[in-house]
Amino acid sequence: MLGWSRFAKAQPQALAAHQHPNCWEICYLVRGTVDWWAGNNCTTLHAGDVYITPPNQPHGGNNAVMQPCELYWIQVASSAHRPWPGLNLAETREILEGLANLRQPSFPGSPRMVEFFQCLIEEHQHQTAHSPVLVRAAVHQLLVQLLRNHAAQSGHVPRHYCIQIATAVQAMEAQPEESLSLAKLAARAGWSMSYFCQRFTHETGLTPTEYRNHQRIRRAKSLLHQPGYGMTAIALDLGFSSSQYFATVFRQITGLTPRDYRRREATATTTVRGSPQQQPKRASSPS
C-alpha cells in the first residue's frame, strides 16, 4: 500500500492509535511539522524527515491529531520467507535486516525519495504495459535510498540550512514573540523578499509566517503547563494580537483549543505510553 496526503489544518482524531500487521510503514514528510509517537517514543518531524514504524507496533499522532502537513507513505510486507518481486530471497532478507537494524525511527531523508514516491503513484494511477517493472524498480530504489540515508547518520544530525536561512531560523527561534518583518529578514539575508520566502519554504517546508507560528505554539504548550498563566497573558506574551487569534492558530496547528490542550495535559499523568488504546501525554521537544 502507498499513498500521498495533504492536510491544510490540524485534523482531530485523524491519526488515532493503530498498527500495521506484518508490515513496515515508511513515511516521508514533504511539508509541515508533526508530533508522532510509536511505542514509548515521541518524535517531532520536520519537512524532509523519514519516519519508520516496525510491523505490529502501535503508533499515532500526539493526542490522535494529524497536524498540518504533506507526506508520502508506503507499507511493505515484513515476511522473509519468500522473495519480493524483482529480488531474490537473499536480497529480500538483506533489506528486511537493514530495516530491523535501524538505530532510530526518524532521520533526514534524501529529496530523491519524493521522485520515487511520485513515480510509484503515477504508475499506479496511469498503468501501462511496463508499469509493474518500473514500480518494482522505484520500490527497490526507495528502500536502498532509505537505508543509505540512515547509514550516513551518526546519532542525531542537526538539520542543515544555508547560512542565510539558518540565520533567519535562529532569529525566529530565539524570539518567537517578536514579529520580525519579512523585509528585515530578507535584507539580513541579502535577498529580495520574494526570493527569501521561496528559499525559506524550500529549505524548511514552511513559509516564514507558518514557521514563526509553529515556534510560538510550541512555546505556548510549555506555558500552558503553568497553572496560573491565563490565555490572554500567554497570547500577548507570544506576540499574538488577541487571545482569539492565538486560539485560532493554536487549533489550526494542534487540532485543540488552548483550554482543551491544558485540560488534557492536566489529566495525562495516567496515560500509558505505547498502548493501542492510549497515547503518550506529549511529544518531546525538538533537539
C-alpha atoms as a PDB file:
ATOM      1  CA  MET A   1       0.000   0.000   0.000  1.00  0.00           C
ATOM      2  CA  LEU A   2       1.125   3.526  -0.648  1.00  0.00           C
ATOM      3  CA  GLY A   3      -0.359   6.984  -0.631  1.00  0.00           C
ATOM      4  CA  TRP A   4       0.023  10.754  -0.588  1.00  0.00           C
ATOM      5  CA  SER A   5      -1.792  13.023   1.869  1.00  0.00           C
ATOM      6  CA  ARG A   6      -2.060  16.761   2.438  1.00  0.00           C
ATOM      7  CA  PHE A   7      -3.709  18.405   5.453  1.00  0.00           C
ATOM      8  CA  ALA A   8      -4.251  22.181   5.343  1.00  0.00           C
ATOM      9  CA  LYS A   9      -5.118  22.321   9.038  1.00  0.00           C
ATOM     10  CA  ALA A  10      -4.950  20.020  12.032  1.00  0.00           C
ATOM     11  CA  GLN A  11      -7.385  17.092  11.949  1.00  0.00           C
ATOM     12  CA  PRO A  12      -8.521  15.875  15.409  1.00  0.00           C
ATOM     13  CA  GLN A  13      -8.811  12.086  15.730  1.00  0.00           C
ATOM     14  CA  ALA A  14      -7.374  11.608  12.227  1.00  0.00           C
ATOM     15  CA  LEU A  15      -4.302   9.738  13.493  1.00  0.00           C
ATOM     16  CA  ALA A  16      -5.517   7.678  16.429  1.00  0.00           C
ATOM     17  CA  ALA A  17      -3.507   4.744  17.784  1.00  0.00           C
ATOM     18  CA  HIS A  18      -3.202   1.942  15.222  1.00  0.00           C
ATOM     19  CA  GLN A  19      -0.777  -0.666  13.917  1.00  0.00           C
ATOM     20  CA  HIS A  20       0.065  -2.458  10.669  1.00  0.00           C
ATOM     21  CA  PRO A  21       0.128  -6.263  10.997  1.00  0.00           C
ATOM     22  CA  ASN A  22       3.294  -7.710   9.460  1.00  0.00           C
ATOM     23  CA  CYS A  23       4.126  -4.510   7.542  1.00  0.00           C
ATOM     24  CA  TRP A  24       6.779  -1.848   7.786  1.00  0.00           C
ATOM     25  CA  GLU A  25       5.464   1.689   7.264  1.00  0.00           C
ATOM     26  CA  ILE A  26       7.730   4.332   5.747  1.00  0.00           C
ATOM     27  CA  CYS A  27       6.649   7.995   5.756  1.00  0.00           C
ATOM     28  CA  TYR A  28       8.414  10.933   4.108  1.00  0.00           C
ATOM     29  CA  LEU A  29       7.336  14.383   5.320  1.00  0.00           C
ATOM     30  CA  VAL A  30       7.310  16.846   2.426  1.00  0.00           C
ATOM     31  CA  ARG A  31       5.914  19.833   4.275  1.00  0.00           C
ATOM     32  CA  GLY A  32       4.998  20.861   7.830  1.00  0.00           C
ATOM     33  CA  THR A  33       5.982  19.804  11.349  1.00  0.00           C
ATOM     34  CA  VAL A  34       4.300  16.910  13.173  1.00  0.00           C
ATOM     35  CA  ASP A  35       4.477  15.235  16.588  1.00  0.00           C
ATOM     36  CA  TRP A  36       4.111  11.457  16.269  1.00  0.00           C
ATOM     37  CA  TRP A  37       4.623   8.565  18.666  1.00  0.00           C
ATOM     38  CA  ALA A  38       5.401   4.881  18.256  1.00  0.00           C
ATOM     39  CA  GLY A  39       5.687   2.504  21.176  1.00  0.00           C
ATOM     40  CA  ASN A  40       7.253   4.513  24.005  1.00  0.00           C
ATOM     41  CA  ASN A  41       8.968   7.070  21.770  1.00  0.00           C
ATOM     42  CA  CYS A  42       7.706  10.531  20.796  1.00  0.00           C
ATOM     43  CA  THR A  43       9.267  12.314  17.823  1.00  0.00           C
ATOM     44  CA  THR A  44       8.970  15.762  16.264  1.00  0.00           C
ATOM     45  CA  LEU A  45       9.376  15.571  12.496  1.00  0.00           C
ATOM     46  CA  HIS A  46      10.189  18.348  10.054  1.00  0.00           C
ATOM     47  CA  ALA A  47       9.990  18.583   6.276  1.00  0.00           C
ATOM     48  CA  GLY A  48      12.491  16.188   4.705  1.00  0.00           C
ATOM     49  CA  ASP A  49      12.392  13.675   7.557  1.00  0.00           C
ATOM     50  CA  VAL A  50      11.748   9.957   7.155  1.00  0.00           C
ATOM     51  CA  TYR A  51       9.759   8.076   9.793  1.00  0.00           C
ATOM     52  CA  ILE A  52       9.836   4.275  10.083  1.00  0.00           C
ATOM     53  CA  THR A  53       7.323   2.182  12.040  1.00  0.00           C
ATOM     54  CA  PRO A  54       8.085  -1.528  12.576  1.00  0.00           C
ATOM     55  CA  PRO A  55       5.431  -4.199  11.980  1.00  0.00           C
ATOM     56  CA  ASN A  56       2.730  -4.559  14.645  1.00  0.00           C
ATOM     57  CA  GLN A  57       3.955  -1.540  16.658  1.00  0.00           C
ATOM     58  CA  PRO A  58       1.206   0.780  17.973  1.00  0.00           C
ATOM     59  CA  HIS A  59       1.677   4.360  16.784  1.00  0.00           C
ATOM     60  CA  GLY A  60      -0.241   7.554  16.049  1.00  0.00           C
ATOM     61  CA  GLY A  61      -0.329  11.323  16.319  1.00  0.00           C
ATOM     62  CA  ASN A  62       0.129  13.160  19.583  1.00  0.00           C
ATOM     63  CA  ASN A  63      -3.386  13.420  21.082  1.00  0.00           C
ATOM     64  CA  ALA A  64      -4.528  11.497  17.958  1.00  0.00           C
ATOM     65  CA  VAL A  65      -4.117  14.704  15.904  1.00  0.00           C
ATOM     66  CA  MET A  66      -2.826  14.838  12.348  1.00  0.00           C
ATOM     67  CA  GLN A  67      -1.144  18.235  12.149  1.00  0.00           C
ATOM     68  CA  PRO A  68      -0.968  20.388   9.003  1.00  0.00           C
ATOM     69  CA  CYS A  69       1.446  18.649   6.657  1.00  0.00           C
ATOM     70  CA  GLU A  70       2.055  16.911   3.348  1.00  0.00           C
ATOM     71  CA  LEU A  71       3.504  13.418   3.278  1.00  0.00           C
ATOM     72  CA  TYR A  72       4.032  10.253   1.276  1.00  0.00           C
ATOM     73  CA  TRP A  73       3.775   6.818   2.847  1.00  0.00           C
ATOM     74  CA  ILE A  74       4.255   3.190   1.853  1.00  0.00           C
ATOM     75  CA  GLN A  75       3.755  -0.114   3.648  1.00  0.00           C
ATOM     76  CA  VAL A  76       5.871  -3.140   2.746  1.00  0.00           C
ATOM     77  CA  ALA A  77       5.421  -6.741   3.886  1.00  0.00           C
ATOM     78  CA  SER A  78       7.833  -7.968   6.555  1.00  0.00           C
ATOM     79  CA  SER A  79       7.866 -11.648   5.618  1.00  0.00           C
ATOM     80  CA  ALA A  80      11.326 -13.032   4.838  1.00  0.00           C
ATOM     81  CA  HIS A  81      10.022 -16.452   3.776  1.00  0.00           C
ATOM     82  CA  ARG A  82       9.585 -15.592   0.121  1.00  0.00           C
ATOM     83  CA  PRO A  83      11.327 -13.053  -2.137  1.00  0.00           C
ATOM     84  CA  TRP A  84       9.830  -9.722  -3.062  1.00  0.00           C
ATOM     85  CA  PRO A  85       9.041  -9.210  -6.762  1.00  0.00           C
ATOM     86  CA  GLY A  86      12.233  -8.460  -8.682  1.00  0.00           C
ATOM     87  CA  LEU A  87      14.534  -9.629  -5.863  1.00  0.00           C
ATOM     88  CA  ASN A  88      15.862 -12.994  -4.839  1.00  0.00           C
ATOM     89  CA  LEU A  89      15.359 -14.292  -1.305  1.00  0.00           C
ATOM     90  CA  ALA A  90      18.830 -13.232  -0.129  1.00  0.00           C
ATOM     91  CA  GLU A  91      18.308  -9.656  -1.381  1.00  0.00           C
ATOM     92  CA  THR A  92      14.868  -9.508   0.243  1.00  0.00           C
ATOM     93  CA  ARG A  93      16.253 -10.646   3.575  1.00  0.00           C
ATOM     94  CA  GLU A  94      19.138  -8.169   3.317  1.00  0.00           C
ATOM     95  CA  ILE A  95      16.725  -5.222   3.013  1.00  0.00           C
ATOM     96  CA  LEU A  96      14.471  -6.502   5.798  1.00  0.00           C
ATOM     97  CA  GLU A  97      17.506  -6.980   8.031  1.00  0.00           C
ATOM     98  CA  GLY A  98      18.549  -3.419   7.254  1.00  0.00           C
ATOM     99  CA  LEU A  99      15.129  -2.136   8.316  1.00  0.00           C
ATOM    100  CA  ALA A 100      15.215  -4.229  11.503  1.00  0.00           C
ATOM    101  CA  ASN A 101      18.643  -2.809  12.414  1.00  0.00           C
ATOM    102  CA  LEU A 102      17.693   0.865  12.107  1.00  0.00           C
ATOM    103  CA  ARG A 103      19.030   2.651  15.201  1.00  0.00           C
ATOM    104  CA  GLN A 104      16.453   5.441  15.170  1.00  0.00           C
ATOM    105  CA  PRO A 105      12.893   5.708  13.814  1.00  0.00           C
ATOM    106  CA  SER A 106      13.403   9.069  12.115  1.00  0.00           C
ATOM    107  CA  PHE A 107      16.217  10.858  10.300  1.00  0.00           C
ATOM    108  CA  PRO A 108      16.687  13.276   7.377  1.00  0.00           C
ATOM    109  CA  GLY A 109      15.903  11.616   4.066  1.00  0.00           C
ATOM    110  CA  SER A 110      17.069  12.376   0.565  1.00  0.00           C
ATOM    111  CA  PRO A 111      14.885  14.628  -1.644  1.00  0.00           C
ATOM    112  CA  ARG A 112      15.174  11.835  -4.210  1.00  0.00           C
ATOM    113  CA  MET A 113      12.619   9.904  -2.166  1.00  0.00           C
ATOM    114  CA  VAL A 114       9.977  12.324  -3.459  1.00  0.00           C
ATOM    115  CA  GLU A 115      10.876  11.276  -7.017  1.00  0.00           C
ATOM    116  CA  PHE A 116      10.455   7.595  -6.141  1.00  0.00           C
ATOM    117  CA  PHE A 117       7.108   8.180  -4.414  1.00  0.00           C
ATOM    118  CA  GLN A 118       5.845  10.311  -7.297  1.00  0.00           C
ATOM    119  CA  CYS A 119       6.867   7.597  -9.753  1.00  0.00           C
ATOM    120  CA  LEU A 120       5.035   4.935  -7.739  1.00  0.00           C
ATOM    121  CA  ILE A 121       1.816   6.952  -7.544  1.00  0.00           C
ATOM    122  CA  GLU A 122       1.954   8.000 -11.202  1.00  0.00           C
ATOM    123  CA  GLU A 123       2.424   4.412 -12.383  1.00  0.00           C
ATOM    124  CA  HIS A 124      -0.456   3.195 -10.222  1.00  0.00           C
ATOM    125  CA  GLN A 125      -2.759   5.937 -11.480  1.00  0.00           C
ATOM    126  CA  HIS A 126      -1.802   5.558 -15.155  1.00  0.00           C
ATOM    127  CA  GLN A 127      -0.778   1.968 -15.703  1.00  0.00           C
ATOM    128  CA  THR A 128       0.876   0.798 -18.910  1.00  0.00           C
ATOM    129  CA  ALA A 129       2.335  -2.487 -20.050  1.00  0.00           C
ATOM    130  CA  HIS A 130       5.648  -1.622 -18.393  1.00  0.00           C
ATOM    131  CA  SER A 131       4.291  -0.163 -15.140  1.00  0.00           C
ATOM    132  CA  PRO A 132       4.968  -3.268 -12.996  1.00  0.00           C
ATOM    133  CA  VAL A 133       8.655  -3.217 -13.962  1.00  0.00           C
ATOM    134  CA  LEU A 134       9.002   0.487 -13.225  1.00  0.00           C
ATOM    135  CA  VAL A 135       7.120   0.178  -9.919  1.00  0.00           C
ATOM    136  CA  ARG A 136       9.383  -2.634  -8.733  1.00  0.00           C
ATOM    137  CA  ALA A 137      12.461  -0.576  -9.636  1.00  0.00           C
ATOM    138  CA  ALA A 138      11.110   2.503  -7.816  1.00  0.00           C
ATOM    139  CA  VAL A 139      10.360   0.490  -4.657  1.00  0.00           C
ATOM    140  CA  HIS A 140      13.852  -1.014  -4.700  1.00  0.00           C
ATOM    141  CA  GLN A 141      15.457   2.414  -5.179  1.00  0.00           C
ATOM    142  CA  LEU A 142      13.357   3.943  -2.407  1.00  0.00           C
ATOM    143  CA  LEU A 143      14.315   1.242   0.094  1.00  0.00           C
ATOM    144  CA  VAL A 144      18.013   1.350  -0.790  1.00  0.00           C
ATOM    145  CA  GLN A 145      17.996   5.162  -0.574  1.00  0.00           C
ATOM    146  CA  LEU A 146      16.330   4.904   2.830  1.00  0.00           C
ATOM    147  CA  LEU A 147      18.969   2.527   4.186  1.00  0.00           C
ATOM    148  CA  ARG A 148      21.788   4.655   2.769  1.00  0.00           C
ATOM    149  CA  ASN A 149      20.344   7.806   4.354  1.00  0.00           C
ATOM    150  CA  HIS A 150      20.226   6.061   7.715  1.00  0.00           C
ATOM    151  CA  ALA A 151      23.754   4.688   7.329  1.00  0.00           C
ATOM    152  CA  ALA A 152      25.008   8.230   6.711  1.00  0.00           C
ATOM    153  CA  GLN A 153      23.685   9.401  10.083  1.00  0.00           C
ATOM    154  CA  SER A 154      25.662   9.227  13.301  1.00  0.00           C
ATOM    155  CA  GLY A 155      23.213   9.707  16.138  1.00  0.00           C
ATOM    156  CA  HIS A 156      21.175  12.891  15.764  1.00  0.00           C
ATOM    157  CA  VAL A 157      22.359  15.079  12.911  1.00  0.00           C
ATOM    158  CA  PRO A 158      21.179  18.698  13.043  1.00  0.00           C
ATOM    159  CA  ARG A 159      19.249  19.954  10.051  1.00  0.00           C
ATOM    160  CA  HIS A 160      21.434  21.800   7.585  1.00  0.00           C
ATOM    161  CA  TYR A 161      20.189  25.061   6.094  1.00  0.00           C
ATOM    162  CA  CYS A 162      22.205  27.542   4.078  1.00  0.00           C
ATOM    163  CA  ILE A 163      23.735  30.275   6.228  1.00  0.00           C
ATOM    164  CA  GLN A 164      21.083  32.860   5.275  1.00  0.00           C
ATOM    165  CA  ILE A 165      18.134  30.611   6.203  1.00  0.00           C
ATOM    166  CA  ALA A 166      19.914  29.313   9.308  1.00  0.00           C
ATOM    167  CA  THR A 167      20.362  32.909  10.493  1.00  0.00           C
ATOM    168  CA  ALA A 168      16.659  33.658   9.952  1.00  0.00           C
ATOM    169  CA  VAL A 169      15.597  30.441  11.714  1.00  0.00           C
ATOM    170  CA  GLN A 170      17.846  31.208  14.690  1.00  0.00           C
ATOM    171  CA  ALA A 171      16.344  34.697  14.986  1.00  0.00           C
ATOM    172  CA  MET A 172      12.797  33.292  14.940  1.00  0.00           C
ATOM    173  CA  GLU A 173      13.554  30.560  17.463  1.00  0.00           C
ATOM    174  CA  ALA A 174      15.406  32.910  19.808  1.00  0.00           C
ATOM    175  CA  GLN A 175      12.484  35.338  19.989  1.00  0.00           C
ATOM    176  CA  PRO A 176       9.271  33.691  18.719  1.00  0.00           C
ATOM    177  CA  GLU A 177       7.232  36.511  20.274  1.00  0.00           C
ATOM    178  CA  GLU A 178       8.939  39.138  18.093  1.00  0.00           C
ATOM    179  CA  SER A 179       7.216  39.929  14.787  1.00  0.00           C
ATOM    180  CA  LEU A 180      10.366  40.246  12.693  1.00  0.00           C
ATOM    181  CA  SER A 181       9.249  41.603   9.335  1.00  0.00           C
ATOM    182  CA  LEU A 182       9.903  39.568   6.212  1.00  0.00           C
ATOM    183  CA  ALA A 183      11.531  42.618   4.670  1.00  0.00           C
ATOM    184  CA  LYS A 184      14.015  42.793   7.551  1.00  0.00           C
ATOM    185  CA  LEU A 185      14.774  39.057   7.432  1.00  0.00           C
ATOM    186  CA  ALA A 186      15.240  39.214   3.663  1.00  0.00           C
ATOM    187  CA  ALA A 187      17.514  42.243   3.995  1.00  0.00           C
ATOM    188  CA  ARG A 188      19.664  40.370   6.534  1.00  0.00           C
ATOM    189  CA  ALA A 189      19.992  37.539   4.024  1.00  0.00           C
ATOM    190  CA  GLY A 190      20.841  39.942   1.221  1.00  0.00           C
ATOM    191  CA  TRP A 191      17.944  38.697  -0.899  1.00  0.00           C
ATOM    192  CA  SER A 192      14.723  40.100  -2.261  1.00  0.00           C
ATOM    193  CA  MET A 193      11.681  39.341  -0.121  1.00  0.00           C
ATOM    194  CA  SER A 194      10.136  37.044  -2.759  1.00  0.00           C
ATOM    195  CA  TYR A 195      13.335  35.015  -3.160  1.00  0.00           C
ATOM    196  CA  PHE A 196      13.829  34.844   0.604  1.00  0.00           C
ATOM    197  CA  CYS A 197      10.296  33.447   1.088  1.00  0.00           C
ATOM    198  CA  GLN A 198      10.770  30.958  -1.743  1.00  0.00           C
ATOM    199  CA  ARG A 199      14.122  29.747  -0.393  1.00  0.00           C
ATOM    200  CA  PHE A 200      12.874  29.630   3.214  1.00  0.00           C
ATOM    201  CA  THR A 201       9.873  27.490   2.254  1.00  0.00           C
ATOM    202  CA  HIS A 202      12.025  25.185   0.123  1.00  0.00           C
ATOM    203  CA  GLU A 203      14.531  24.536   2.933  1.00  0.00           C
ATOM    204  CA  THR A 204      12.227  24.372   5.963  1.00  0.00           C
ATOM    205  CA  GLY A 205       8.980  23.087   4.431  1.00  0.00           C
ATOM    206  CA  LEU A 206       7.061  26.043   5.921  1.00  0.00           C
ATOM    207  CA  THR A 207       6.556  29.664   4.944  1.00  0.00           C
ATOM    208  CA  PRO A 208       8.249  32.188   7.284  1.00  0.00           C
ATOM    209  CA  THR A 209       4.873  33.036   8.841  1.00  0.00           C
ATOM    210  CA  GLU A 210       3.995  29.362   9.342  1.00  0.00           C
ATOM    211  CA  TYR A 211       7.410  28.684  10.861  1.00  0.00           C
ATOM    212  CA  ARG A 212       7.057  31.577  13.309  1.00  0.00           C
ATOM    213  CA  ASN A 213       3.583  30.419  14.324  1.00  0.00           C
ATOM    214  CA  HIS A 214       4.799  26.861  14.885  1.00  0.00           C
ATOM    215  CA  GLN A 215       7.542  28.184  17.183  1.00  0.00           C
ATOM    216  CA  ARG A 216       5.026  30.307  19.065  1.00  0.00           C
ATOM    217  CA  ILE A 217       2.637  27.401  19.549  1.00  0.00           C
ATOM    218  CA  ARG A 218       5.455  25.138  20.722  1.00  0.00           C
ATOM    219  CA  ARG A 219       6.351  27.777  23.315  1.00  0.00           C
ATOM    220  CA  ALA A 220       2.650  28.160  24.192  1.00  0.00           C
ATOM    221  CA  LYS A 221       2.418  24.450  25.010  1.00  0.00           C
ATOM    222  CA  SER A 222       5.080  24.800  27.685  1.00  0.00           C
ATOM    223  CA  LEU A 223       3.412  27.921  29.109  1.00  0.00           C
ATOM    224  CA  LEU A 224       0.056  26.127  29.289  1.00  0.00           C
ATOM    225  CA  HIS A 225       1.607  23.729  31.809  1.00  0.00           C
ATOM    226  CA  GLN A 226       1.851  26.630  34.235  1.00  0.00           C
ATOM    227  CA  PRO A 227      -1.498  26.633  36.117  1.00  0.00           C
ATOM    228  CA  GLY A 228      -1.757  30.350  36.863  1.00  0.00           C
ATOM    229  CA  TYR A 229      -0.870  31.555  33.389  1.00  0.00           C
ATOM    230  CA  GLY A 230      -4.001  32.941  31.677  1.00  0.00           C
ATOM    231  CA  MET A 231      -4.806  32.602  27.976  1.00  0.00           C
ATOM    232  CA  THR A 232      -4.704  36.328  27.285  1.00  0.00           C
ATOM    233  CA  ALA A 233      -1.344  36.725  29.011  1.00  0.00           C
ATOM    234  CA  ILE A 234       0.123  33.817  27.015  1.00  0.00           C
ATOM    235  CA  ALA A 235      -1.271  35.212  23.761  1.00  0.00           C
ATOM    236  CA  LEU A 236       0.153  38.694  24.299  1.00  0.00           C
ATOM    237  CA  ASP A 237       3.490  37.427  25.619  1.00  0.00           C
ATOM    238  CA  LEU A 238       3.915  35.396  22.434  1.00  0.00           C
ATOM    239  CA  GLY A 239       3.136  38.318  20.172  1.00  0.00           C
ATOM    240  CA  PHE A 240      -0.435  37.438  19.149  1.00  0.00           C
ATOM    241  CA  SER A 241      -2.774  40.387  18.691  1.00  0.00           C
ATOM    242  CA  SER A 242      -5.521  38.780  20.779  1.00  0.00           C
ATOM    243  CA  SER A 243      -6.408  35.647  22.689  1.00  0.00           C
ATOM    244  CA  GLN A 244      -8.968  34.811  19.974  1.00  0.00           C
ATOM    245  CA  TYR A 245      -6.313  34.858  17.240  1.00  0.00           C
ATOM    246  CA  PHE A 246      -3.986  32.846  19.467  1.00  0.00           C
ATOM    247  CA  ALA A 247      -6.713  30.210  19.958  1.00  0.00           C
ATOM    248  CA  THR A 248      -7.375  30.086  16.194  1.00  0.00           C
ATOM    249  CA  VAL A 249      -3.725  29.489  15.312  1.00  0.00           C
ATOM    250  CA  PHE A 250      -3.300  27.018  18.180  1.00  0.00           C
ATOM    251  CA  ARG A 251      -6.236  24.954  16.938  1.00  0.00           C
ATOM    252  CA  GLN A 252      -5.092  25.069  13.299  1.00  0.00           C
ATOM    253  CA  ILE A 253      -1.727  23.585  14.295  1.00  0.00           C
ATOM    254  CA  THR A 254      -2.653  21.216  17.138  1.00  0.00           C
ATOM    255  CA  GLY A 255      -6.321  20.389  16.466  1.00  0.00           C
ATOM    256  CA  LEU A 256      -7.204  21.510  20.025  1.00  0.00           C
ATOM    257  CA  THR A 257      -8.100  24.785  21.669  1.00  0.00           C
ATOM    258  CA  PRO A 258      -5.570  26.019  24.256  1.00  0.00           C
ATOM    259  CA  ARG A 259      -8.059  25.219  27.054  1.00  0.00           C
ATOM    260  CA  ASP A 260      -8.639  21.697  25.742  1.00  0.00           C
ATOM    261  CA  TYR A 261      -4.886  21.166  25.482  1.00  0.00           C
ATOM    262  CA  ARG A 262      -4.354  22.370  29.059  1.00  0.00           C
ATOM    263  CA  ARG A 263      -7.188  20.129  30.276  1.00  0.00           C
ATOM    264  CA  ARG A 264      -5.771  17.065  28.500  1.00  0.00           C
ATOM    265  CA  GLU A 265      -2.269  17.690  29.781  1.00  0.00           C
ATOM    266  CA  ALA A 266      -3.557  18.083  33.334  1.00  0.00           C
ATOM    267  CA  THR A 267      -5.085  14.597  33.199  1.00  0.00           C
ATOM    268  CA  ALA A 268      -2.374  12.968  31.084  1.00  0.00           C
ATOM    269  CA  THR A 269      -0.380  11.611  34.020  1.00  0.00           C
ATOM    270  CA  THR A 270      -2.424   8.405  33.833  1.00  0.00           C
ATOM    271  CA  THR A 271      -1.723   7.915  30.142  1.00  0.00           C
ATOM    272  CA  VAL A 272       0.075   4.698  29.266  1.00  0.00           C
ATOM    273  CA  ARG A 273       2.562   5.315  26.505  1.00  0.00           C
ATOM    274  CA  GLY A 274       2.530   2.919  23.612  1.00  0.00           C
ATOM    275  CA  SER A 275      -0.779   1.246  24.411  1.00  0.00           C
ATOM    276  CA  PRO A 276      -3.012   0.762  21.356  1.00  0.00           C
ATOM    277  CA  GLN A 277      -5.832   2.398  23.323  1.00  0.00           C
ATOM    278  CA  GLN A 278      -3.784   5.212  24.866  1.00  0.00           C
ATOM    279  CA  GLN A 279      -1.281   7.750  23.601  1.00  0.00           C
ATOM    280  CA  PRO A 280       1.763   9.406  25.153  1.00  0.00           C
ATOM    281  CA  LYS A 281       0.957  12.529  27.113  1.00  0.00           C
ATOM    282  CA  ARG A 282       3.043  14.795  24.901  1.00  0.00           C
ATOM    283  CA  ALA A 283       5.662  14.815  22.179  1.00  0.00           C
ATOM    284  CA  SER A 284       9.231  15.586  23.130  1.00  0.00           C
ATOM    285  CA  SER A 285      10.731  18.957  22.295  1.00  0.00           C
ATOM    286  CA  PRO A 286      12.805  19.104  19.108  1.00  0.00           C
ATOM    287  CA  SER A 287      16.537  18.667  19.601  1.00  0.00           C
END
